[in-house]
Amino acid sequence: MILRDKVDLLVAASTPDTTNPVADQAEVNEVPCITTDCPWQPYFFGRKGDPKTGFTWTYHFFWGLEDVIAAFLALWGGASTNKVIGGLFPNDADGNAWGDPQIGFPPALQKAGFKLVDPGRYQPVSSDFTAQISAFKSAGAEIVTGNMIPPDFATFWGQAAQQGFRPKIVTIGKALLFPSVISSLGARGNGLSTEIWWTPSHPFKSGLTGQSAKELTDAYTKATSKPWTQPIGFKHALFEVAIDVLKRSKNLGEPKSILEAIVATDYKSIVGPVKWTGQPVKNVTKTPLVSGQWQRRGNDFNLVITQNQTAPQIPVGGKLEPLT
């Protein structure tokens, strides 16, 4: 796209496996680039970013590990547990960031009074979590957390049942974002919890279409006959921001002009404000994050926001219920 099609602006989303190589190519070739849907630390530090200088051509909007940690801690704070947590972190960019002893979950959990049992990194698409389950049982872990792909979580959760491991709370990033995953787990999907990036109840509107979050999810469901998912809002916002940038660029044929428009962005998107101010680092701006739980209502599972301490502007929809 860069060399053959001479694109003016690159956009990318969905985990560091996608955002990072795209952004790296944009940086090397001096092409403006905007990315989302990846915690900012794996995006920035995974590309060997230096907070003192940052990058020139590549910009990102999403939340960070500090936000998901705060959202999880707020979720667990109201529950009665022994504060022993089992950690499931894969040997990939996300898992290594989440489990990092400096910037990840370990120091934050210790500071908050929780004990983390971390058996080490497992290989993605693992077929056996016996070692992890045994470690969690031995330590009496009543909470399980981590960052997993859906097949790995399904394997772990099935083997946990077989081996008699029954934690009170299971809060997993990535794997539990989608209703299809929860439905595939049947009754054992009820009560699982996760971070919440975006829902129909988020109080934001698209600066491009004027649609509210609920209007967008309703339109998507009507058009596709499929349930809404959290990434929809961020994919929509990515194109919103890109269009806003191109509208404000003084010379669309000049990369530096497009870059200037990115840097000057002050846009209200369907996932919240997007404005690069240099915080937390030059190339990153953050979006709000809360957390909640999948709760069964009749035949359907609903993703319910159960804490908004981390973003009070987003309404709570219910209370955290212990796993049964």
Protein backbone atom coordinates (compact mmCIF):
# COMPACT_ATOMS: atom_id res chain seq x y z
CA MET A 1 0.00 0.00 0.00
CA ILE A 2 2.82 2.39 0.85
CA LEU A 3 5.11 1.69 -2.10
CA ARG A 4 2.64 0.63 -4.78
CA ASP A 5 -0.51 2.60 -3.99
CA LYS A 6 1.20 5.62 -2.41
CA VAL A 7 -1.40 5.88 0.37
CA ASP A 8 -1.69 9.20 2.20
CA LEU A 9 -2.76 7.78 5.57
CA LEU A 10 -2.60 4.34 7.16
CA VAL A 11 -5.05 3.11 9.81
CA ALA A 12 -4.86 -0.18 11.73
CA ALA A 13 -6.43 -1.87 14.73
CA SER A 14 -6.61 -4.98 16.87
CA THR A 15 -3.77 -6.16 19.12
CA PRO A 16 -0.03 -5.40 18.87
CA ASP A 17 0.31 -8.23 16.35
CA THR A 18 -1.40 -5.91 13.86
CA THR A 19 -0.86 -2.36 15.08
CA ASN A 20 2.88 -2.63 15.68
CA PRO A 21 4.15 -3.90 12.31
CA VAL A 22 1.83 -1.49 10.48
CA ALA A 23 3.00 1.45 12.58
CA ASP A 24 6.65 0.41 12.21
CA GLN A 25 6.35 0.37 8.42
CA ALA A 26 4.62 3.74 8.49
CA GLU A 27 7.38 5.20 10.67
CA VAL A 28 10.18 3.87 8.46
CA ASN A 29 8.50 5.08 5.27
CA GLU A 30 7.35 8.42 6.73
CA VAL A 31 3.64 7.81 6.18
CA PRO A 32 1.11 9.22 8.69
CA CYS A 33 -0.58 6.42 10.65
CA ILE A 34 -3.34 6.17 13.27
CA THR A 35 -4.03 2.98 15.24
CA THR A 36 -6.34 1.74 18.01
CA ASP A 37 -7.59 -1.38 19.82
CA CYS A 38 -4.32 -2.26 21.59
CA PRO A 39 -3.22 -1.26 25.10
CA TRP A 40 -0.77 1.57 24.67
CA GLN A 41 2.20 -0.04 26.44
CA PRO A 42 2.49 -3.04 24.06
CA TYR A 43 2.01 -0.59 21.19
CA PHE A 44 4.59 1.94 22.36
CA PHE A 45 7.19 -0.06 24.26
CA GLY A 46 6.68 -3.10 22.03
CA ARG A 47 8.03 -0.89 19.23
CA LYS A 48 10.95 0.18 21.46
CA GLY A 49 9.48 3.63 21.89
CA ASP A 50 11.39 6.16 23.99
CA PRO A 51 9.07 8.34 26.13
CA LYS A 52 11.56 11.22 25.82
CA THR A 53 11.27 11.38 22.03
CA GLY A 54 8.37 9.18 20.93
CA PHE A 55 7.67 8.53 17.28
CA THR A 56 7.21 11.02 14.44
CA TRP A 57 4.59 9.56 12.09
CA THR A 58 2.52 7.15 14.17
CA TYR A 59 -0.26 7.95 16.65
CA HIS A 60 -2.52 5.74 18.77
CA PHE A 61 -5.68 6.00 20.89
CA PHE A 62 -6.82 3.39 23.42
CA TRP A 63 -6.48 2.66 27.14
CA GLY A 64 -3.40 1.34 28.95
CA LEU A 65 -2.39 -1.36 31.38
CA GLU A 66 -2.76 1.08 34.28
CA ASP A 67 -6.40 1.53 33.26
CA VAL A 68 -7.27 -2.16 32.98
CA ILE A 69 -5.49 -2.82 36.29
CA ALA A 70 -7.50 -0.06 37.97
CA ALA A 71 -10.72 -1.34 36.38
CA PHE A 72 -10.09 -4.89 37.58
CA LEU A 73 -9.13 -3.78 41.09
CA ALA A 74 -12.30 -1.69 41.31
CA LEU A 75 -14.31 -4.70 40.12
CA TRP A 76 -12.80 -7.00 42.77
CA GLY A 77 -12.82 -4.43 45.56
CA GLY A 78 -16.45 -4.97 46.45
CA ALA A 79 -16.25 -8.77 46.53
CA SER A 80 -15.43 -10.97 49.52
CA THR A 81 -12.29 -12.94 48.61
CA ASN A 82 -8.96 -13.93 50.15
CA LYS A 83 -7.19 -11.63 47.63
CA VAL A 84 -5.17 -14.49 46.14
CA ILE A 85 -5.09 -14.20 42.34
CA GLY A 86 -4.04 -16.74 39.74
CA GLY A 87 -2.44 -15.14 36.67
CA LEU A 88 -2.78 -16.47 33.12
CA PHE A 89 -0.40 -14.61 30.81
CA PRO A 90 0.56 -16.03 27.40
CA ASN A 91 3.98 -15.74 25.81
CA ASP A 92 2.97 -13.06 23.33
CA ALA A 93 3.13 -9.26 23.17
CA ASP A 94 -0.02 -8.74 25.20
CA GLY A 95 0.69 -11.43 27.79
CA ASN A 96 4.27 -10.33 28.35
CA ALA A 97 3.11 -6.74 28.88
CA TRP A 98 0.30 -7.71 31.27
CA GLY A 99 2.64 -9.91 33.30
CA ASP A 100 5.62 -7.55 33.20
CA PRO A 101 7.15 -7.14 36.68
CA GLN A 102 7.62 -3.39 36.20
CA ILE A 103 4.72 -2.08 34.10
CA GLY A 104 2.22 -4.96 34.30
CA PHE A 105 -0.10 -6.47 36.89
CA PRO A 106 2.43 -7.83 39.47
CA PRO A 107 3.54 -4.57 41.15
CA ALA A 108 0.05 -3.03 41.07
CA LEU A 109 -1.59 -6.08 42.63
CA GLN A 110 1.03 -6.27 45.35
CA LYS A 111 0.58 -2.59 46.14
CA ALA A 112 -3.20 -3.10 46.41
CA GLY A 113 -2.78 -5.96 48.90
CA PHE A 114 -3.36 -8.89 46.53
CA LYS A 115 -1.12 -11.93 46.18
CA LEU A 116 -0.44 -12.93 42.57
CA VAL A 117 0.32 -16.56 41.75
CA ASP A 118 2.07 -16.45 38.36
CA PRO A 119 3.17 -19.86 37.02
CA GLY A 120 4.98 -18.17 34.12
CA ARG A 121 4.16 -17.61 30.47
CA TYR A 122 2.29 -20.34 28.64
CA GLN A 123 2.45 -20.86 24.90
CA PRO A 124 -0.64 -19.61 23.01
CA VAL A 125 -3.02 -22.31 21.76
CA SER A 126 -2.05 -24.51 24.67
CA SER A 127 -3.84 -27.82 25.16
CA ASP A 128 -3.04 -28.34 28.84
CA PHE A 129 -3.41 -25.93 31.76
CA THR A 130 -2.98 -28.55 34.46
CA ALA A 131 0.20 -26.93 35.81
CA GLN A 132 -1.51 -23.54 36.17
CA ILE A 133 -4.64 -25.03 37.72
CA SER A 134 -2.58 -27.03 40.22
CA ALA A 135 -0.63 -23.92 41.22
CA PHE A 136 -3.83 -21.94 41.71
CA LYS A 137 -5.45 -24.70 43.77
CA SER A 138 -2.36 -25.08 45.96
CA ALA A 139 -2.30 -21.35 46.67
CA GLY A 140 -6.05 -21.19 47.32
CA ALA A 141 -6.61 -18.62 44.56
CA GLU A 142 -10.17 -17.27 44.60
CA ILE A 143 -9.67 -14.88 41.67
CA VAL A 144 -8.28 -15.67 38.22
CA THR A 145 -7.15 -12.98 35.81
CA GLY A 146 -5.06 -12.65 32.68
CA ASN A 147 -5.13 -11.97 28.97
CA MET A 148 -6.06 -14.89 26.72
CA ILE A 149 -7.39 -15.73 23.30
CA PRO A 150 -10.82 -17.44 23.35
CA PRO A 151 -9.63 -20.99 22.54
CA ASP A 152 -7.11 -20.89 25.37
CA PHE A 153 -9.67 -19.67 27.86
CA ALA A 154 -12.17 -22.33 26.78
CA THR A 155 -9.50 -25.00 27.32
CA PHE A 156 -8.52 -23.62 30.71
CA TRP A 157 -12.11 -23.18 31.91
CA GLY A 158 -13.11 -26.69 30.84
CA GLN A 159 -10.09 -28.24 32.55
CA ALA A 160 -10.70 -26.15 35.68
CA ALA A 161 -14.15 -27.73 35.97
CA GLN A 162 -12.75 -31.21 35.40
CA GLN A 163 -10.07 -30.71 38.05
CA GLY A 164 -12.36 -29.18 40.67
CA PHE A 165 -11.01 -25.65 40.60
CA ARG A 166 -13.83 -23.20 41.36
CA PRO A 167 -12.69 -19.60 41.84
CA LYS A 168 -15.14 -16.95 43.02
CA ILE A 169 -14.22 -14.45 40.30
CA VAL A 170 -12.74 -14.94 36.82
CA THR A 171 -11.81 -11.70 35.05
CA ILE A 172 -10.03 -12.20 31.74
CA GLY A 173 -9.00 -9.66 29.12
CA LYS A 174 -9.50 -10.25 25.39
CA ALA A 175 -11.06 -13.73 25.53
CA LEU A 176 -14.31 -12.64 27.18
CA LEU A 177 -15.07 -9.61 25.02
CA PHE A 178 -17.43 -11.35 22.62
CA PRO A 179 -20.95 -12.71 23.22
CA SER A 180 -20.24 -15.63 20.87
CA VAL A 181 -17.49 -16.85 23.20
CA ILE A 182 -19.71 -16.58 26.27
CA SER A 183 -22.59 -18.37 24.52
CA SER A 184 -20.26 -21.19 23.45
CA LEU A 185 -19.46 -21.83 27.13
CA GLY A 186 -23.11 -22.42 27.97
CA ALA A 187 -24.06 -22.12 31.63
CA ARG A 188 -20.37 -21.79 32.56
CA GLY A 189 -20.26 -18.46 30.74
CA ASN A 190 -22.55 -16.88 33.30
CA GLY A 191 -20.75 -14.62 35.74
CA LEU A 192 -17.43 -14.31 33.91
CA SER A 193 -16.06 -10.78 33.94
CA THR A 194 -13.87 -8.58 31.76
CA GLU A 195 -12.76 -5.07 30.94
CA ILE A 196 -15.32 -2.94 29.12
CA TRP A 197 -14.10 -0.53 26.46
CA TRP A 198 -17.40 0.46 24.94
CA THR A 199 -21.12 -0.39 25.12
CA PRO A 200 -24.46 1.02 23.90
CA SER A 201 -24.78 2.84 27.24
CA HIS A 202 -21.56 4.82 26.79
CA PRO A 203 -22.49 8.53 26.70
CA PHE A 204 -20.66 9.46 23.49
CA LYS A 205 -21.77 10.42 19.99
CA SER A 206 -20.01 10.24 16.67
CA GLY A 207 -18.75 13.61 15.50
CA LEU A 208 -19.11 12.28 11.95
CA THR A 209 -22.64 10.83 11.87
CA GLY A 210 -24.17 12.22 15.07
CA GLN A 211 -25.14 8.69 16.12
CA SER A 212 -25.09 7.78 19.79
CA ALA A 213 -23.42 4.58 20.92
CA LYS A 214 -26.84 2.94 21.26
CA GLU A 215 -27.95 4.10 17.82
CA LEU A 216 -24.82 2.61 16.27
CA THR A 217 -25.24 -0.77 18.00
CA ASP A 218 -28.95 -0.86 17.12
CA ALA A 219 -28.14 -0.13 13.47
CA TYR A 220 -25.43 -2.78 13.42
CA THR A 221 -27.69 -5.42 14.96
CA LYS A 222 -30.51 -4.58 12.54
CA ALA A 223 -28.23 -4.71 9.49
CA THR A 224 -26.36 -7.90 10.41
CA SER A 225 -28.71 -9.80 12.74
CA LYS A 226 -25.65 -10.21 14.97
CA PRO A 227 -25.07 -8.90 18.50
CA TRP A 228 -22.92 -5.81 18.93
CA THR A 229 -19.34 -6.21 20.11
CA GLN A 230 -17.00 -3.81 21.86
CA PRO A 231 -14.48 -3.36 19.01
CA ILE A 232 -17.21 -1.98 16.73
CA GLY A 233 -17.07 1.38 18.48
CA PHE A 234 -13.31 1.64 18.10
CA LYS A 235 -13.30 0.59 14.44
CA HIS A 236 -15.94 3.26 13.82
CA ALA A 237 -13.95 5.83 15.78
CA LEU A 238 -10.77 4.99 13.86
CA PHE A 239 -12.40 5.96 10.58
CA GLU A 240 -14.05 8.96 12.20
CA VAL A 241 -10.68 10.28 13.31
CA ALA A 242 -9.08 9.52 9.94
CA ILE A 243 -11.81 11.42 8.08
CA ASP A 244 -11.53 14.33 10.52
CA VAL A 245 -7.77 14.46 9.93
CA LEU A 246 -8.13 14.43 6.16
CA LYS A 247 -10.78 17.14 6.28
CA ARG A 248 -8.44 19.41 8.24
CA SER A 249 -5.29 18.70 6.22
CA LYS A 250 -4.25 21.76 4.22
CA ASN A 251 -2.54 19.70 1.52
CA LEU A 252 -3.63 16.09 1.09
CA GLY A 253 -0.69 15.37 -1.17
CA GLU A 254 1.83 16.34 1.48
CA PRO A 255 2.52 13.81 4.30
CA LYS A 256 3.72 16.51 6.68
CA SER A 257 0.44 18.38 6.25
CA ILE A 258 -1.53 15.26 7.22
CA LEU A 259 0.83 14.71 10.16
CA GLU A 260 0.21 18.28 11.35
CA ALA A 261 -3.54 17.60 11.25
CA ILE A 262 -3.09 14.43 13.33
CA VAL A 263 -1.07 16.28 15.96
CA ALA A 264 -3.72 19.04 16.12
CA THR A 265 -6.65 16.59 16.51
CA ASP A 266 -9.33 17.59 19.02
CA TYR A 267 -12.21 15.33 18.10
CA LYS A 268 -15.27 13.93 19.87
CA SER A 269 -15.69 10.33 18.71
CA ILE A 270 -18.18 7.61 19.52
CA VAL A 271 -15.69 6.16 22.04
CA GLY A 272 -14.87 9.51 23.64
CA PRO A 273 -12.57 12.48 23.02
CA VAL A 274 -9.45 11.95 20.91
CA LYS A 275 -6.72 14.56 21.44
CA TRP A 276 -2.96 13.97 21.55
CA THR A 277 -1.56 16.13 24.35
CA GLY A 278 1.70 14.34 25.09
CA GLN A 279 0.21 12.27 27.90
CA PRO A 280 0.92 9.50 28.79
CA VAL A 281 3.51 9.74 25.97
CA LYS A 282 3.79 11.86 22.84
CA ASN A 283 2.03 9.48 20.45
CA VAL A 284 -0.74 8.15 22.70
CA THR A 285 -4.07 9.46 23.95
CA LYS A 286 -6.29 7.41 26.23
CA THR A 287 -9.96 6.44 26.14
CA PRO A 288 -12.06 5.59 29.24
CA LEU A 289 -12.31 2.07 30.60
CA VAL A 290 -14.66 0.35 33.06
CA SER A 291 -15.33 -3.30 33.87
CA GLY A 292 -18.25 -5.64 34.30
CA GLN A 293 -19.76 -9.07 34.05
CA TRP A 294 -21.65 -11.33 31.69
CA GLN A 295 -25.00 -12.02 33.32
CA ARG A 296 -27.65 -14.37 31.98
CA ARG A 297 -31.11 -12.93 31.41
CA GLY A 298 -33.40 -15.64 30.06
CA ASN A 299 -31.65 -17.24 27.10
CA ASP A 300 -29.29 -14.34 26.50
CA PHE A 301 -26.07 -13.12 28.10
CA ASN A 302 -25.77 -9.39 28.72
CA LEU A 303 -22.53 -7.55 29.38
CA VAL A 304 -23.32 -5.48 32.47
CA ILE A 305 -21.14 -2.61 33.68
CA THR A 306 -20.71 -3.28 37.41
CA GLN A 307 -18.17 -0.59 38.33
CA ASN A 308 -17.50 2.91 37.00
CA GLN A 309 -15.00 4.19 39.57
CA THR A 310 -12.49 4.38 36.73
CA ALA A 311 -14.82 6.43 34.48
CA PRO A 312 -17.77 7.92 36.41
CA GLN A 313 -19.32 9.41 33.26
CA ILE A 314 -20.22 5.87 32.13
CA PRO A 315 -23.34 4.52 33.91
CA VAL A 316 -23.36 1.31 35.96
CA GLY A 317 -25.92 -1.31 34.94
CA GLY A 318 -25.80 -3.77 37.85
CA LYS A 319 -23.74 -5.41 40.61
CA LEU A 320 -21.03 -8.05 40.44
CA GLU A 321 -22.44 -11.50 41.18
CA PRO A 322 -20.18 -14.33 42.47
CA LEU A 323 -19.65 -17.36 40.26
CA THR A 324 -21.84 -20.32 41.16
